[in-house]
Structure formats: C-alpha cells, structure tokens
Amino acid sequence: MRELVEIMAKALVDNPDQLEVSEIAGSDTLVIELRPAREDIGKIIGKKGRNVQAMRTLLNAAAGKLRKRVVLEIIDQ
C-alpha cells in the first residue's frame, strides 16, 4: 500500500525527492502518512479535495482484498 501511495503522490508533486511516505500497521487498520513539501500540499489535495479523495478511494479498493482498513493522512511539515 505504501508503494501505491508513493507512486501516485510522486506523479502529482513538483518536488518528489522531498516526499516522505510512512506506514503504521495495526491489527485491522493501516495508517499511511504522507509528508509532502509545503508548496506541494495543494497539489496533493487538489481542487475541493478531489485528488486526495481519489487516492483514498483507490486505497480502500485495494485494501478490500486484504480485509483491512486504510487511512491516508497528509501531514503538514
């Protein structure tokens, strides 16, 4: 899941080398933290949150096969 988020996010941002993706695994839940550069946060979120919502939809579809819940958090640095 972490790799999927990393690929999608790197395609959106201007500074892919400053993008950090970390994964925190629980028993039923997987939390993925995305830390873009300050100037790239708007590109990750998109207009009216459409980009981040699309990423969350894809993650939940992929997580359905694993029978897990995935939470995508965008962390401001």
PDB file of N, CA and C in Angstrom:
ATOM      1  N   MET A   1       0.816  -1.194   0.000  1.00  0.00           N
ATOM      2  CA  MET A   1       0.000   0.000   0.000  1.00  0.00           C
ATOM      3  C   MET A   1       0.863   1.262   0.000  1.00  0.00           C
ATOM      4  N   ARG A   2       1.958   1.220   0.730  1.00  0.00           N
ATOM      5  CA  ARG A   2       2.836   2.379   0.812  1.00  0.00           C
ATOM      6  C   ARG A   2       3.386   2.730  -0.570  1.00  0.00           C
ATOM      7  N   GLU A   3       3.745   1.715  -1.330  1.00  0.00           N
ATOM      8  CA  GLU A   3       4.297   1.947  -2.660  1.00  0.00           C
ATOM      9  C   GLU A   3       3.258   2.565  -3.593  1.00  0.00           C
ATOM     10  N   LEU A   4       2.005   2.135  -3.461  1.00  0.00           N
ATOM     11  CA  LEU A   4       0.933   2.677  -4.276  1.00  0.00           C
ATOM     12  C   LEU A   4       0.750   4.171  -4.007  1.00  0.00           C
ATOM     13  N   VAL A   5       0.729   4.561  -2.750  1.00  0.00           N
ATOM     14  CA  VAL A   5       0.592   5.975  -2.387  1.00  0.00           C
ATOM     15  C   VAL A   5       1.799   6.764  -2.875  1.00  0.00           C
ATOM     16  N   GLU A   6       2.970   6.192  -2.733  1.00  0.00           N
ATOM     17  CA  GLU A   6       4.191   6.887  -3.137  1.00  0.00           C
ATOM     18  C   GLU A   6       4.212   7.150  -4.640  1.00  0.00           C
ATOM     19  N   ILE A   7       3.799   6.182  -5.437  1.00  0.00           N
ATOM     20  CA  ILE A   7       3.773   6.348  -6.890  1.00  0.00           C
ATOM     21  C   ILE A   7       2.763   7.414  -7.295  1.00  0.00           C
ATOM     22  N   MET A   8       1.568   7.369  -6.700  1.00  0.00           N
ATOM     23  CA  MET A   8       0.542   8.354  -7.043  1.00  0.00           C
ATOM     24  C   MET A   8       0.962   9.759  -6.624  1.00  0.00           C
ATOM     25  N   ALA A   9       1.521   9.900  -5.435  1.00  0.00           N
ATOM     26  CA  ALA A   9       1.895  11.216  -4.923  1.00  0.00           C
ATOM     27  C   ALA A   9       3.069  11.806  -5.691  1.00  0.00           C
ATOM     28  N   LYS A  10       4.049  10.991  -6.047  1.00  0.00           N
ATOM     29  CA  LYS A  10       5.206  11.497  -6.785  1.00  0.00           C
ATOM     30  C   LYS A  10       4.816  11.994  -8.163  1.00  0.00           C
ATOM     31  N   ALA A  11       3.758  11.433  -8.734  1.00  0.00           N
ATOM     32  CA  ALA A  11       3.289  11.893 -10.039  1.00  0.00           C
ATOM     33  C   ALA A  11       2.624  13.268  -9.946  1.00  0.00           C
ATOM     34  N   LEU A  12       2.145  13.638  -8.763  1.00  0.00           N
ATOM     35  CA  LEU A  12       1.428  14.905  -8.600  1.00  0.00           C
ATOM     36  C   LEU A  12       2.320  16.081  -8.207  1.00  0.00           C
ATOM     37  N   VAL A  13       3.387  15.834  -7.461  1.00  0.00           N
ATOM     38  CA  VAL A  13       4.154  16.927  -6.863  1.00  0.00           C
ATOM     39  C   VAL A  13       5.291  17.412  -7.765  1.00  0.00           C
ATOM     40  N   ASP A  14       5.789  18.624  -7.455  1.00  0.00           N
ATOM     41  CA  ASP A  14       6.929  19.185  -8.170  1.00  0.00           C
ATOM     42  C   ASP A  14       8.260  18.736  -7.574  1.00  0.00           C
ATOM     43  N   ASN A  15       8.256  18.412  -6.270  1.00  0.00           N
ATOM     44  CA  ASN A  15       9.474  18.011  -5.572  1.00  0.00           C
ATOM     45  C   ASN A  15       9.333  16.579  -5.048  1.00  0.00           C
ATOM     46  N   PRO A  16       9.445  15.584  -5.922  1.00  0.00           N
ATOM     47  CA  PRO A  16       9.245  14.205  -5.459  1.00  0.00           C
ATOM     48  C   PRO A  16      10.332  13.717  -4.501  1.00  0.00           C
ATOM     49  N   ASP A  17      11.502  14.354  -4.525  1.00  0.00           N
ATOM     50  CA  ASP A  17      12.571  13.937  -3.619  1.00  0.00           C
ATOM     51  C   ASP A  17      12.310  14.367  -2.181  1.00  0.00           C
ATOM     52  N   GLN A  18      11.428  15.349  -1.968  1.00  0.00           N
ATOM     53  CA  GLN A  18      11.102  15.805  -0.612  1.00  0.00           C
ATOM     54  C   GLN A  18       9.878  15.101  -0.044  1.00  0.00           C
ATOM     55  N   LEU A  19       9.291  14.195  -0.791  1.00  0.00           N
ATOM     56  CA  LEU A  19       8.097  13.481  -0.369  1.00  0.00           C
ATOM     57  C   LEU A  19       8.481  12.318   0.548  1.00  0.00           C
ATOM     58  N   GLU A  20       7.818  12.237   1.689  1.00  0.00           N
ATOM     59  CA  GLU A  20       8.053  11.142   2.639  1.00  0.00           C
ATOM     60  C   GLU A  20       6.755  10.379   2.849  1.00  0.00           C
ATOM     61  N   VAL A  21       6.837   9.068   2.777  1.00  0.00           N
ATOM     62  CA  VAL A  21       5.670   8.219   2.990  1.00  0.00           C
ATOM     63  C   VAL A  21       6.042   7.193   4.052  1.00  0.00           C
ATOM     64  N   SER A  22       5.240   7.127   5.115  1.00  0.00           N
ATOM     65  CA  SER A  22       5.479   6.138   6.157  1.00  0.00           C
ATOM     66  C   SER A  22       4.204   5.349   6.399  1.00  0.00           C
ATOM     67  N   GLU A  23       4.379   4.148   6.921  1.00  0.00           N
ATOM     68  CA  GLU A  23       3.262   3.231   7.113  1.00  0.00           C
ATOM     69  C   GLU A  23       3.259   2.735   8.553  1.00  0.00           C
ATOM     70  N   ILE A  24       2.097   2.808   9.189  1.00  0.00           N
ATOM     71  CA  ILE A  24       1.940   2.324  10.561  1.00  0.00           C
ATOM     72  C   ILE A  24       0.884   1.229  10.516  1.00  0.00           C
ATOM     73  N   ALA A  25       1.293   0.021  10.834  1.00  0.00           N
ATOM     74  CA  ALA A  25       0.389  -1.122  10.725  1.00  0.00           C
ATOM     75  C   ALA A  25      -0.188  -1.485  12.085  1.00  0.00           C
ATOM     76  N   GLY A  26      -1.494  -1.678  12.102  1.00  0.00           N
ATOM     77  CA  GLY A  26      -2.194  -2.165  13.278  1.00  0.00           C
ATOM     78  C   GLY A  26      -2.779  -3.536  12.958  1.00  0.00           C
ATOM     79  N   SER A  27      -3.623  -4.043  13.826  1.00  0.00           N
ATOM     80  CA  SER A  27      -4.195  -5.364  13.578  1.00  0.00           C
ATOM     81  C   SER A  27      -5.201  -5.332  12.431  1.00  0.00           C
ATOM     82  N   ASP A  28      -6.106  -4.354  12.433  1.00  0.00           N
ATOM     83  CA  ASP A  28      -7.111  -4.257  11.374  1.00  0.00           C
ATOM     84  C   ASP A  28      -6.955  -3.017  10.516  1.00  0.00           C
ATOM     85  N   THR A  29      -6.154  -2.080  10.973  1.00  0.00           N
ATOM     86  CA  THR A  29      -6.050  -0.788  10.297  1.00  0.00           C
ATOM     87  C   THR A  29      -4.613  -0.509   9.891  1.00  0.00           C
ATOM     88  N   LEU A  30      -4.480   0.109   8.743  1.00  0.00           N
ATOM     89  CA  LEU A  30      -3.186   0.519   8.228  1.00  0.00           C
ATOM     90  C   LEU A  30      -3.235   2.026   8.029  1.00  0.00           C
ATOM     91  N   VAL A  31      -2.341   2.761   8.678  1.00  0.00           N
ATOM     92  CA  VAL A  31      -2.292   4.220   8.559  1.00  0.00           C
ATOM     93  C   VAL A  31      -1.089   4.582   7.695  1.00  0.00           C
ATOM     94  N   ILE A  32      -1.350   5.325   6.645  1.00  0.00           N
ATOM     95  CA  ILE A  32      -0.279   5.779   5.758  1.00  0.00           C
ATOM     96  C   ILE A  32      -0.174   7.286   5.903  1.00  0.00           C
ATOM     97  N   GLU A  33       1.015   7.747   6.297  1.00  0.00           N
ATOM     98  CA  GLU A  33       1.262   9.176   6.485  1.00  0.00           C
ATOM     99  C   GLU A  33       2.047   9.699   5.297  1.00  0.00           C
ATOM    100  N   LEU A  34       1.543  10.764   4.715  1.00  0.00           N
ATOM    101  CA  LEU A  34       2.152  11.380   3.549  1.00  0.00           C
ATOM    102  C   LEU A  34       2.638  12.764   3.942  1.00  0.00           C
ATOM    103  N   ARG A  35       3.944  13.008   3.783  1.00  0.00           N
ATOM    104  CA  ARG A  35       4.531  14.299   4.142  1.00  0.00           C
ATOM    105  C   ARG A  35       5.152  14.940   2.895  1.00  0.00           C
ATOM    106  N   PRO A  36       4.362  15.746   2.165  1.00  0.00           N
ATOM    107  CA  PRO A  36       4.926  16.452   1.003  1.00  0.00           C
ATOM    108  C   PRO A  36       5.606  17.741   1.433  1.00  0.00           C
ATOM    109  N   ALA A  37       6.331  18.355   0.518  1.00  0.00           N
ATOM    110  CA  ALA A  37       6.895  19.678   0.771  1.00  0.00           C
ATOM    111  C   ALA A  37       5.743  20.665   0.925  1.00  0.00           C
ATOM    112  N   ARG A  38       5.986  21.734   1.655  1.00  0.00           N
ATOM    113  CA  ARG A  38       4.924  22.704   1.955  1.00  0.00           C
ATOM    114  C   ARG A  38       4.258  23.237   0.680  1.00  0.00           C
ATOM    115  N   GLU A  39       5.037  23.488  -0.366  1.00  0.00           N
ATOM    116  CA  GLU A  39       4.464  24.048  -1.585  1.00  0.00           C
ATOM    117  C   GLU A  39       3.703  23.013  -2.420  1.00  0.00           C
ATOM    118  N   ASP A  40       3.814  21.735  -2.084  1.00  0.00           N
ATOM    119  CA  ASP A  40       3.135  20.673  -2.837  1.00  0.00           C
ATOM    120  C   ASP A  40       1.861  20.160  -2.172  1.00  0.00           C
ATOM    121  N   ILE A  41       1.528  20.673  -1.012  1.00  0.00           N
ATOM    122  CA  ILE A  41       0.342  20.173  -0.296  1.00  0.00           C
ATOM    123  C   ILE A  41      -0.926  20.419  -1.113  1.00  0.00           C
ATOM    124  N   GLY A  42      -1.031  21.575  -1.732  1.00  0.00           N
ATOM    125  CA  GLY A  42      -2.208  21.889  -2.538  1.00  0.00           C
ATOM    126  C   GLY A  42      -2.367  20.960  -3.728  1.00  0.00           C
ATOM    127  N   LYS A  43      -1.254  20.518  -4.298  1.00  0.00           N
ATOM    128  CA  LYS A  43      -1.314  19.611  -5.441  1.00  0.00           C
ATOM    129  C   LYS A  43      -1.759  18.211  -5.012  1.00  0.00           C
ATOM    130  N   ILE A  44      -1.370  17.810  -3.816  1.00  0.00           N
ATOM    131  CA  ILE A  44      -1.798  16.505  -3.298  1.00  0.00           C
ATOM    132  C   ILE A  44      -3.296  16.538  -2.993  1.00  0.00           C
ATOM    133  N   ILE A  45      -3.757  17.617  -2.377  1.00  0.00           N
ATOM    134  CA  ILE A  45      -5.165  17.706  -2.002  1.00  0.00           C
ATOM    135  C   ILE A  45      -6.040  17.931  -3.232  1.00  0.00           C
ATOM    136  N   GLY A  46      -5.640  18.809  -4.130  1.00  0.00           N
ATOM    137  CA  GLY A  46      -6.404  19.076  -5.341  1.00  0.00           C
ATOM    138  C   GLY A  46      -7.573  20.013  -5.077  1.00  0.00           C
ATOM    139  N   LYS A  47      -8.258  20.386  -6.135  1.00  0.00           N
ATOM    140  CA  LYS A  47      -9.416  21.272  -6.003  1.00  0.00           C
ATOM    141  C   LYS A  47     -10.537  20.538  -5.283  1.00  0.00           C
ATOM    142  N   LYS A  48     -11.028  21.170  -4.235  1.00  0.00           N
ATOM    143  CA  LYS A  48     -12.097  20.623  -3.400  1.00  0.00           C
ATOM    144  C   LYS A  48     -11.772  19.226  -2.863  1.00  0.00           C
ATOM    145  N   GLY A  49     -10.477  18.899  -2.766  1.00  0.00           N
ATOM    146  CA  GLY A  49     -10.061  17.625  -2.193  1.00  0.00           C
ATOM    147  C   GLY A  49     -10.213  16.440  -3.121  1.00  0.00           C
ATOM    148  N   ARG A  50     -10.325  16.690  -4.395  1.00  0.00           N
ATOM    149  CA  ARG A  50     -10.578  15.598  -5.346  1.00  0.00           C
ATOM    150  C   ARG A  50      -9.401  14.648  -5.479  1.00  0.00           C
ATOM    151  N   ASN A  51      -8.169  15.155  -5.507  1.00  0.00           N
ATOM    152  CA  ASN A  51      -7.009  14.272  -5.655  1.00  0.00           C
ATOM    153  C   ASN A  51      -6.867  13.332  -4.468  1.00  0.00           C
ATOM    154  N   VAL A  52      -6.935  13.879  -3.273  1.00  0.00           N
ATOM    155  CA  VAL A  52      -6.758  13.042  -2.087  1.00  0.00           C
ATOM    156  C   VAL A  52      -7.934  12.079  -1.927  1.00  0.00           C
ATOM    157  N   GLN A  53      -9.118  12.504  -2.318  1.00  0.00           N
ATOM    158  CA  GLN A  53     -10.274  11.615  -2.229  1.00  0.00           C
ATOM    159  C   GLN A  53     -10.139  10.452  -3.211  1.00  0.00           C
ATOM    160  N   ALA A  54      -9.619  10.721  -4.399  1.00  0.00           N
ATOM    161  CA  ALA A  54      -9.394   9.660  -5.375  1.00  0.00           C
ATOM    162  C   ALA A  54      -8.335   8.678  -4.870  1.00  0.00           C
ATOM    163  N   MET A  55      -7.277   9.206  -4.237  1.00  0.00           N
ATOM    164  CA  MET A  55      -6.247   8.330  -3.681  1.00  0.00           C
ATOM    165  C   MET A  55      -6.828   7.448  -2.581  1.00  0.00           C
ATOM    166  N   ARG A  56      -7.665   8.014  -1.729  1.00  0.00           N
ATOM    167  CA  ARG A  56      -8.292   7.242  -0.651  1.00  0.00           C
ATOM    168  C   ARG A  56      -9.228   6.177  -1.205  1.00  0.00           C
ATOM    169  N   THR A  57      -9.938   6.494  -2.273  1.00  0.00           N
ATOM    170  CA  THR A  57     -10.837   5.523  -2.894  1.00  0.00           C
ATOM    171  C   THR A  57     -10.055   4.337  -3.445  1.00  0.00           C
ATOM    172  N   LEU A  58      -8.951   4.619  -4.129  1.00  0.00           N
ATOM    173  CA  LEU A  58      -8.121   3.538  -4.668  1.00  0.00           C
ATOM    174  C   LEU A  58      -7.516   2.687  -3.548  1.00  0.00           C
ATOM    175  N   LEU A  59      -7.091   3.346  -2.480  1.00  0.00           N
ATOM    176  CA  LEU A  59      -6.527   2.594  -1.352  1.00  0.00           C
ATOM    177  C   LEU A  59      -7.565   1.693  -0.702  1.00  0.00           C
ATOM    178  N   ASN A  60      -8.773   2.201  -0.518  1.00  0.00           N
ATOM    179  CA  ASN A  60      -9.813   1.381   0.093  1.00  0.00           C
ATOM    180  C   ASN A  60     -10.208   0.214  -0.798  1.00  0.00           C
ATOM    181  N   ALA A  61     -10.185   0.414  -2.117  1.00  0.00           N
ATOM    182  CA  ALA A  61     -10.481  -0.682  -3.031  1.00  0.00           C
ATOM    183  C   ALA A  61      -9.404  -1.762  -2.953  1.00  0.00           C
ATOM    184  N   ALA A  62      -8.153  -1.345  -2.880  1.00  0.00           N
ATOM    185  CA  ALA A  62      -7.052  -2.302  -2.771  1.00  0.00           C
ATOM    186  C   ALA A  62      -7.044  -2.985  -1.404  1.00  0.00           C
ATOM    187  N   ALA A  63      -7.427  -2.248  -0.370  1.00  0.00           N
ATOM    188  CA  ALA A  63      -7.431  -2.808   0.982  1.00  0.00           C
ATOM    189  C   ALA A  63      -8.579  -3.784   1.184  1.00  0.00           C
ATOM    190  N   GLY A  64      -9.617  -3.673   0.384  1.00  0.00           N
ATOM    191  CA  GLY A  64     -10.740  -4.594   0.498  1.00  0.00           C
ATOM    192  C   GLY A  64     -10.329  -6.038   0.272  1.00  0.00           C
ATOM    193  N   LYS A  65      -9.388  -6.249  -0.617  1.00  0.00           N
ATOM    194  CA  LYS A  65      -8.900  -7.605  -0.864  1.00  0.00           C
ATOM    195  C   LYS A  65      -8.123  -8.154   0.335  1.00  0.00           C
ATOM    196  N   LEU A  66      -7.468  -7.255   1.061  1.00  0.00           N
ATOM    197  CA  LEU A  66      -6.679  -7.668   2.222  1.00  0.00           C
ATOM    198  C   LEU A  66      -7.514  -7.727   3.496  1.00  0.00           C
ATOM    199  N   ARG A  67      -8.782  -7.298   3.399  1.00  0.00           N
ATOM    200  CA  ARG A  67      -9.687  -7.226   4.549  1.00  0.00           C
ATOM    201  C   ARG A  67      -9.110  -6.338   5.662  1.00  0.00           C
ATOM    202  N   LYS A  68      -8.590  -5.196   5.233  1.00  0.00           N
ATOM    203  CA  LYS A  68      -8.052  -4.205   6.164  1.00  0.00           C
ATOM    204  C   LYS A  68      -8.681  -2.865   5.871  1.00  0.00           C
ATOM    205  N   ARG A  69      -8.530  -1.960   6.801  1.00  0.00           N
ATOM    206  CA  ARG A  69      -8.980  -0.582   6.639  1.00  0.00           C
ATOM    207  C   ARG A  69      -7.737   0.281   6.485  1.00  0.00           C
ATOM    208  N   VAL A  70      -7.758   1.172   5.520  1.00  0.00           N
ATOM    209  CA  VAL A  70      -6.600   2.030   5.259  1.00  0.00           C
ATOM    210  C   VAL A  70      -7.000   3.480   5.485  1.00  0.00           C
ATOM    211  N   VAL A  71      -6.158   4.204   6.212  1.00  0.00           N
ATOM    212  CA  VAL A  71      -6.361   5.628   6.474  1.00  0.00           C
ATOM    213  C   VAL A  71      -5.170   6.368   5.884  1.00  0.00           C
ATOM    214  N   LEU A  72      -5.462   7.348   5.028  1.00  0.00           N
ATOM    215  CA  LEU A  72      -4.418   8.176   4.434  1.00  0.00           C
ATOM    216  C   LEU A  72      -4.445   9.533   5.117  1.00  0.00           C
ATOM    217  N   GLU A  73      -3.322   9.898   5.733  1.00  0.00           N
ATOM    218  CA  GLU A  73      -3.209  11.190   6.404  1.00  0.00           C
ATOM    219  C   GLU A  73      -2.146  12.015   5.711  1.00  0.00           C
ATOM    220  N   ILE A  74      -2.449  13.290   5.494  1.00  0.00           N
ATOM    221  CA  ILE A  74      -1.491  14.216   4.925  1.00  0.00           C
ATOM    222  C   ILE A  74      -0.980  15.084   6.065  1.00  0.00           C
ATOM    223  N   ILE A  75       0.311  15.036   6.294  1.00  0.00           N
ATOM    224  CA  ILE A  75       0.948  15.735   7.404  1.00  0.00           C
ATOM    225  C   ILE A  75       1.639  16.984   6.875  1.00  0.00           C
ATOM    226  N   ASP A  76       1.330  18.130   7.475  1.00  0.00           N
ATOM    227  CA  ASP A  76       1.978  19.398   7.109  1.00  0.00           C
ATOM    228  C   ASP A  76       3.273  19.509   7.900  1.00  0.00           C
ATOM    229  N   GLN A  77       4.347  19.790   7.205  1.00  0.00           N
ATOM    230  CA  GLN A  77       5.664  19.875   7.873  1.00  0.00           C
ATOM    231  C   GLN A  77       5.899  21.243   8.426  1.00  0.00           C
TER     232      GLN A  77
END
